[in-house]
Amino acid sequence: MVPFGTGDIDYAGFFANMGAKGYHNPMYEQDNAPGDAADPGRSLRYAELSYANLAALRG
């Protein structure tokens, strides 16, 4: 599991072929984002990165 948009999946291509715009409501979840004592802010950094990558798909 990696932050949205940092892996191997071509989400722009995937969503472009989904059909009618505004009909689908994709969701993203990353269960391994929380940091531990060594990196307590990791979950917030991953959320910020995932949001930026997801929002960039809106065009």
N, C-alpha and C. Protein backbone atom coordinates (compact mmCIF):
# COMPACT_ATOMS: atom_id res chain seq x y z
N MET A 1 0.85 -1.17 0.00
CA MET A 1 0.00 0.00 0.00
C MET A 1 0.89 1.23 0.00
N VAL A 2 0.56 2.13 -0.89
CA VAL A 2 1.30 3.39 -1.03
C VAL A 2 0.31 4.54 -1.14
N PRO A 3 0.75 5.77 -0.93
CA PRO A 3 -0.14 6.90 -1.12
C PRO A 3 -0.70 6.91 -2.55
N PHE A 4 -1.93 7.40 -2.70
CA PHE A 4 -2.60 7.43 -3.99
C PHE A 4 -1.74 8.13 -5.03
N GLY A 5 -1.59 7.50 -6.19
CA GLY A 5 -0.86 8.10 -7.29
C GLY A 5 0.63 7.86 -7.29
N THR A 6 1.15 7.15 -6.28
CA THR A 6 2.59 6.90 -6.23
C THR A 6 2.93 5.47 -6.62
N GLY A 7 1.94 4.67 -6.93
CA GLY A 7 2.18 3.28 -7.31
C GLY A 7 2.20 3.09 -8.82
N ASP A 8 1.90 1.89 -9.25
CA ASP A 8 1.99 1.51 -10.66
C ASP A 8 0.70 1.66 -11.44
N ILE A 9 -0.42 1.91 -10.80
CA ILE A 9 -1.71 1.96 -11.49
C ILE A 9 -1.87 3.30 -12.20
N ASP A 10 -2.28 3.26 -13.47
CA ASP A 10 -2.55 4.45 -14.27
C ASP A 10 -3.99 4.89 -13.99
N TYR A 11 -4.18 5.67 -12.93
CA TYR A 11 -5.53 6.09 -12.55
C TYR A 11 -6.15 7.04 -13.56
N ALA A 12 -5.37 7.90 -14.20
CA ALA A 12 -5.92 8.81 -15.20
C ALA A 12 -6.54 8.02 -16.34
N GLY A 13 -5.85 7.00 -16.82
CA GLY A 13 -6.39 6.14 -17.87
C GLY A 13 -7.58 5.34 -17.40
N PHE A 14 -7.52 4.86 -16.18
CA PHE A 14 -8.61 4.06 -15.62
C PHE A 14 -9.89 4.88 -15.52
N PHE A 15 -9.78 6.08 -14.93
CA PHE A 15 -10.97 6.91 -14.76
C PHE A 15 -11.48 7.48 -16.08
N ALA A 16 -10.60 7.67 -17.04
CA ALA A 16 -11.02 8.18 -18.35
C ALA A 16 -11.94 7.18 -19.06
N ASN A 17 -11.83 5.91 -18.72
CA ASN A 17 -12.63 4.88 -19.38
C ASN A 17 -13.80 4.39 -18.52
N MET A 18 -14.14 5.12 -17.47
CA MET A 18 -15.20 4.69 -16.55
C MET A 18 -16.61 4.97 -17.08
N GLY A 19 -16.77 5.87 -18.02
CA GLY A 19 -18.11 6.17 -18.51
C GLY A 19 -18.54 7.57 -18.11
N ALA A 20 -19.82 7.71 -17.83
CA ALA A 20 -20.41 9.02 -17.54
C ALA A 20 -19.72 9.70 -16.36
N LYS A 21 -19.32 10.94 -16.56
CA LYS A 21 -18.70 11.72 -15.49
C LYS A 21 -19.75 12.10 -14.45
N GLY A 22 -19.36 12.11 -13.20
CA GLY A 22 -20.26 12.47 -12.13
C GLY A 22 -21.12 11.32 -11.63
N TYR A 23 -21.03 10.18 -12.29
CA TYR A 23 -21.85 9.04 -11.90
C TYR A 23 -21.13 8.15 -10.89
N HIS A 24 -19.83 8.07 -10.99
CA HIS A 24 -19.04 7.18 -10.13
C HIS A 24 -18.47 7.96 -8.95
N ASN A 25 -18.33 7.31 -7.83
CA ASN A 25 -17.80 7.92 -6.63
C ASN A 25 -16.66 7.06 -6.08
N PRO A 26 -15.46 7.23 -6.63
CA PRO A 26 -14.34 6.40 -6.18
C PRO A 26 -13.94 6.75 -4.75
N MET A 27 -13.39 5.76 -4.08
CA MET A 27 -12.89 5.97 -2.72
C MET A 27 -11.49 5.40 -2.63
N TYR A 28 -10.70 5.94 -1.75
CA TYR A 28 -9.33 5.48 -1.54
C TYR A 28 -9.08 5.36 -0.05
N GLU A 29 -8.43 4.28 0.34
CA GLU A 29 -8.11 4.06 1.75
C GLU A 29 -6.73 3.46 1.85
N GLN A 30 -5.94 3.93 2.79
CA GLN A 30 -4.61 3.37 3.01
C GLN A 30 -4.50 2.98 4.47
N ASP A 31 -4.54 1.69 4.73
CA ASP A 31 -4.56 1.19 6.10
C ASP A 31 -3.22 1.24 6.81
N ASN A 32 -2.13 1.35 6.05
CA ASN A 32 -0.82 1.31 6.70
C ASN A 32 -0.17 2.69 6.82
N ALA A 33 -0.93 3.76 6.70
CA ALA A 33 -0.38 5.11 6.72
C ALA A 33 0.05 5.60 8.09
N PRO A 34 -0.62 5.24 9.19
CA PRO A 34 -0.22 5.82 10.47
C PRO A 34 1.25 5.58 10.78
N GLY A 35 1.89 6.61 11.31
CA GLY A 35 3.29 6.48 11.69
C GLY A 35 3.43 5.92 13.09
N ASP A 36 4.63 5.59 13.42
CA ASP A 36 4.91 5.10 14.77
C ASP A 36 5.65 6.20 15.53
N ALA A 37 6.24 5.87 16.64
CA ALA A 37 6.93 6.88 17.46
C ALA A 37 8.08 7.54 16.69
N ALA A 38 8.68 6.82 15.76
CA ALA A 38 9.80 7.38 15.00
C ALA A 38 9.34 8.35 13.91
N ASP A 39 8.07 8.24 13.49
CA ASP A 39 7.56 9.10 12.40
C ASP A 39 6.07 9.37 12.63
N PRO A 40 5.72 10.13 13.67
CA PRO A 40 4.32 10.32 14.01
C PRO A 40 3.50 11.14 13.00
N GLY A 41 4.14 11.91 12.14
CA GLY A 41 3.40 12.72 11.18
C GLY A 41 3.19 12.06 9.82
N ARG A 42 3.60 10.80 9.68
CA ARG A 42 3.51 10.12 8.38
C ARG A 42 2.09 10.06 7.86
N SER A 43 1.12 9.78 8.69
CA SER A 43 -0.25 9.66 8.21
C SER A 43 -0.74 10.96 7.60
N LEU A 44 -0.38 12.10 8.18
CA LEU A 44 -0.79 13.38 7.63
C LEU A 44 -0.07 13.70 6.32
N ARG A 45 1.21 13.37 6.22
CA ARG A 45 1.94 13.58 4.97
C ARG A 45 1.37 12.71 3.85
N TYR A 46 1.07 11.45 4.16
CA TYR A 46 0.50 10.55 3.16
C TYR A 46 -0.89 11.02 2.74
N ALA A 47 -1.68 11.52 3.68
CA ALA A 47 -3.02 12.02 3.34
C ALA A 47 -2.91 13.23 2.43
N GLU A 48 -1.98 14.12 2.73
CA GLU A 48 -1.78 15.31 1.90
C GLU A 48 -1.33 14.93 0.49
N LEU A 49 -0.40 13.99 0.37
CA LEU A 49 0.09 13.54 -0.92
C LEU A 49 -1.01 12.84 -1.71
N SER A 50 -1.76 11.96 -1.05
CA SER A 50 -2.85 11.24 -1.71
C SER A 50 -3.91 12.22 -2.21
N TYR A 51 -4.26 13.21 -1.40
CA TYR A 51 -5.26 14.20 -1.81
C TYR A 51 -4.78 14.98 -3.03
N ALA A 52 -3.53 15.43 -2.99
CA ALA A 52 -2.99 16.21 -4.11
C ALA A 52 -3.01 15.39 -5.40
N ASN A 53 -2.64 14.13 -5.32
CA ASN A 53 -2.63 13.28 -6.51
C ASN A 53 -4.05 12.98 -7.00
N LEU A 54 -4.97 12.78 -6.10
CA LEU A 54 -6.36 12.53 -6.49
C LEU A 54 -6.99 13.79 -7.06
N ALA A 55 -6.76 14.93 -6.44
CA ALA A 55 -7.33 16.19 -6.94
C ALA A 55 -6.77 16.56 -8.31
N ALA A 56 -5.53 16.18 -8.58
CA ALA A 56 -4.92 16.49 -9.89
C ALA A 56 -5.63 15.75 -11.03
N LEU A 57 -6.32 14.67 -10.72
CA LEU A 57 -7.03 13.92 -11.75
C LEU A 57 -8.29 14.65 -12.22
N ARG A 58 -8.75 15.62 -11.48
CA ARG A 58 -9.99 16.33 -11.84
C ARG A 58 -9.81 17.18 -13.09
N GLY A 59 -8.57 17.55 -13.39
CA GLY A 59 -8.28 18.29 -14.61
C GLY A 59 -8.54 19.75 -14.57
